[in-house]
């Protein structure tokens, strides 16, 4: 390939490809290729007779310095990363399926409000005051707040599991 000359549009093409890789892979190293090819393309715009060897030299110098700086900076800040504990997602229980079933209260319903733990979900209850351990029948769900279950005391009914 004797006599191959890198022209301005070659460098702009490299810039576009490197930007695409940088955004697609979310990596900063292709961004340095884009920056260095943009600089060389800008130099060629102002000086079209800039020799190919110097073009490659400027390109690799800027890209190499950028790679090294990026690696050093990322390694320096790598220790500052805070690990986030895995938290189990809140389990969603289909409360509309509970209507008509009888459940046993874990905690009392006081002043018309109570709480029930069922299948890993915390449900709010509204109904007549009842003691813990009593059985209540689910009569409905609040239309606005789907986690609010309407209950009434149930005598002699079979419990829902």
Protein backbone atom coordinates (compact mmCIF):
# COMPACT_ATOMS: atom_id res chain seq x y z
CA UNK A 1 0.00 0.00 0.00
CA UNK A 2 2.64 2.46 -0.99
CA UNK A 3 1.44 6.02 -1.22
CA UNK A 4 -1.69 5.62 0.92
CA UNK A 5 -2.72 9.02 2.24
CA UNK A 6 -5.09 9.51 5.15
CA UNK A 7 -7.48 12.31 4.31
CA UNK A 8 -9.75 14.37 6.48
CA UNK A 9 -12.85 12.28 5.85
CA UNK A 10 -11.02 9.15 7.04
CA UNK A 11 -10.56 10.75 10.44
CA UNK A 12 -14.18 11.98 10.61
CA UNK A 13 -15.35 8.44 9.82
CA UNK A 14 -13.16 7.05 12.60
CA UNK A 15 -14.64 9.70 14.92
CA UNK A 16 -18.22 8.67 14.13
CA UNK A 17 -17.46 4.97 14.55
CA UNK A 18 -15.62 5.52 17.83
CA UNK A 19 -18.46 7.69 19.18
CA UNK A 20 -20.92 4.96 18.26
CA UNK A 21 -18.86 2.34 20.09
CA UNK A 22 -18.41 4.62 23.11
CA UNK A 23 -22.15 5.21 23.46
CA UNK A 24 -23.20 1.65 22.64
CA UNK A 25 -20.77 -0.05 25.02
CA UNK A 26 -20.79 2.75 27.65
CA UNK A 27 -17.01 2.78 27.72
CA UNK A 28 -14.69 5.77 27.86
CA UNK A 29 -11.82 4.24 25.89
CA UNK A 30 -13.45 4.53 22.45
CA UNK A 31 -14.19 8.15 23.37
CA UNK A 32 -10.42 8.79 23.41
CA UNK A 33 -10.16 7.34 19.91
CA UNK A 34 -12.92 9.74 18.86
CA UNK A 35 -11.20 12.70 20.53
CA UNK A 36 -7.82 11.94 18.97
CA UNK A 37 -9.27 11.35 15.50
CA UNK A 38 -11.23 14.61 15.79
CA UNK A 39 -8.03 16.48 16.64
CA UNK A 40 -6.20 14.95 13.66
CA UNK A 41 -9.18 15.67 11.38
CA UNK A 42 -9.17 19.29 12.59
CA UNK A 43 -5.44 19.60 11.90
CA UNK A 44 -5.98 18.25 8.37
CA UNK A 45 -8.77 20.74 7.80
CA UNK A 46 -6.40 23.63 8.44
CA UNK A 47 -3.32 21.97 6.92
CA UNK A 48 -4.22 19.40 4.20
CA UNK A 49 -0.50 18.72 3.57
CA UNK A 50 0.05 17.35 7.10
CA UNK A 51 2.13 14.15 6.60
CA UNK A 52 0.56 10.77 7.28
CA UNK A 53 3.29 9.74 9.74
CA UNK A 54 2.63 12.85 11.84
CA UNK A 55 -1.12 12.22 11.67
CA UNK A 56 -0.64 8.72 13.06
CA UNK A 57 1.81 10.03 15.67
CA UNK A 58 -0.63 12.67 16.95
CA UNK A 59 -3.49 10.17 16.88
CA UNK A 60 -1.65 7.50 18.88
CA UNK A 61 -0.13 10.03 21.29
CA UNK A 62 -3.51 11.50 22.26
CA UNK A 63 -5.23 8.10 22.36
CA UNK A 64 -2.45 6.55 24.48
CA UNK A 65 -2.42 9.40 26.99
CA UNK A 66 -6.22 9.22 27.20
CA UNK A 67 -6.19 5.44 27.74
CA UNK A 68 -3.58 5.71 30.49
CA UNK A 69 -5.35 8.61 32.24
CA UNK A 70 -8.70 6.85 32.06
CA UNK A 71 -7.25 3.65 33.47
CA UNK A 72 -5.47 5.47 36.30
CA UNK A 73 -8.52 7.55 37.20
CA UNK A 74 -10.85 4.54 37.15
CA UNK A 75 -8.44 2.48 39.28
CA UNK A 76 -8.07 5.38 41.73
CA UNK A 77 -11.81 5.74 42.24
CA UNK A 78 -12.56 2.01 42.11
CA UNK A 79 -12.19 1.74 45.90
CA UNK A 80 -14.89 4.38 46.44
CA UNK A 81 -17.62 2.20 44.99
CA UNK A 82 -20.26 1.43 47.59
CA UNK A 83 -21.71 -2.04 47.37
CA UNK A 84 -25.49 -2.13 47.56
CA UNK A 85 -26.96 -5.02 49.50
CA UNK A 86 -29.39 -7.24 47.69
CA UNK A 87 -32.80 -6.42 49.05
CA UNK A 88 -35.57 -8.82 48.28
CA UNK A 89 -38.30 -7.10 46.33
CA UNK A 90 -41.58 -6.51 48.12
CA UNK A 91 -43.87 -9.38 47.36
CA UNK A 92 -47.13 -8.44 45.72
CA UNK A 93 -50.18 -10.36 46.84
CA UNK A 94 -53.30 -10.38 44.67
CA UNK A 95 -55.71 -9.10 47.31
CA UNK A 96 -58.72 -9.28 45.00
CA UNK A 97 -58.50 -13.08 45.27
CA UNK A 98 -58.96 -12.87 49.05
CA UNK A 99 -62.52 -11.53 48.89
CA UNK A 100 -64.87 -14.00 50.58
CA UNK A 101 -62.09 -15.91 52.36
CA UNK A 102 -61.58 -16.12 56.11
CA UNK A 103 -58.22 -15.22 57.64
CA UNK A 104 -56.85 -15.25 61.20
CA UNK A 105 -55.51 -11.98 62.57
CA UNK A 106 -51.87 -11.80 63.70
CA UNK A 107 -52.40 -8.47 65.42
CA UNK A 108 -55.57 -6.78 66.69
CA UNK A 109 -57.71 -4.35 64.73
CA UNK A 110 -57.86 -1.20 66.87
CA UNK A 111 -60.05 1.82 66.07
CA UNK A 112 -61.00 0.15 62.80
CA UNK A 113 -57.42 -0.23 61.51
CA UNK A 114 -55.08 -3.22 61.58
CA UNK A 115 -52.14 -4.88 59.87
CA UNK A 116 -51.77 -8.44 58.57
CA UNK A 117 -48.62 -10.25 57.42
CA UNK A 118 -49.57 -12.77 54.74
CA UNK A 119 -47.30 -14.69 52.35
CA UNK A 120 -44.49 -12.17 52.78
CA UNK A 121 -46.69 -9.13 52.17
CA UNK A 122 -47.93 -6.55 54.67
CA UNK A 123 -51.61 -5.77 54.24
CA UNK A 124 -53.61 -3.01 55.92
CA UNK A 125 -57.03 -3.95 57.27
CA UNK A 126 -60.14 -1.89 57.98
CA UNK A 127 -63.11 -3.24 59.90
CA UNK A 128 -64.68 -3.75 63.30
CA UNK A 129 -62.31 -3.94 66.28
CA UNK A 130 -61.09 -7.52 66.80
CA UNK A 131 -58.46 -9.21 68.96
CA UNK A 132 -55.37 -11.00 67.62
CA UNK A 133 -56.18 -14.64 66.78
CA UNK A 134 -59.80 -13.95 65.79
CA UNK A 135 -61.07 -14.97 62.38
CA UNK A 136 -62.32 -12.31 59.96
CA UNK A 137 -63.91 -12.56 56.53
CA UNK A 138 -62.57 -10.40 53.68
CA UNK A 139 -65.53 -8.45 52.30
CA UNK A 140 -63.79 -6.22 49.78
CA UNK A 141 -60.91 -3.99 48.81
CA UNK A 142 -60.66 -0.21 48.95
CA UNK A 143 -61.06 1.03 45.38
CA UNK A 144 -58.43 3.76 45.70
CA UNK A 145 -55.76 2.06 47.79
CA UNK A 146 -55.55 -1.57 46.63
CA UNK A 147 -53.59 -2.56 49.76
CA UNK A 148 -56.47 -1.72 52.12
CA UNK A 149 -58.63 -4.77 52.79
CA UNK A 150 -62.14 -4.49 54.24
CA UNK A 151 -62.96 -7.19 56.80
CA UNK A 152 -65.77 -8.25 59.17
CA UNK A 153 -65.79 -10.76 62.04
CA UNK A 154 -66.45 -14.34 60.93
CA UNK A 155 -67.79 -17.08 63.21
CA UNK A 156 -67.25 -20.78 62.54
CA UNK A 157 -65.77 -20.36 59.06
CA UNK A 158 -62.90 -22.28 57.48
CA UNK A 159 -59.59 -20.42 57.28
CA UNK A 160 -57.82 -19.40 54.03
CA UNK A 161 -54.17 -20.47 53.69
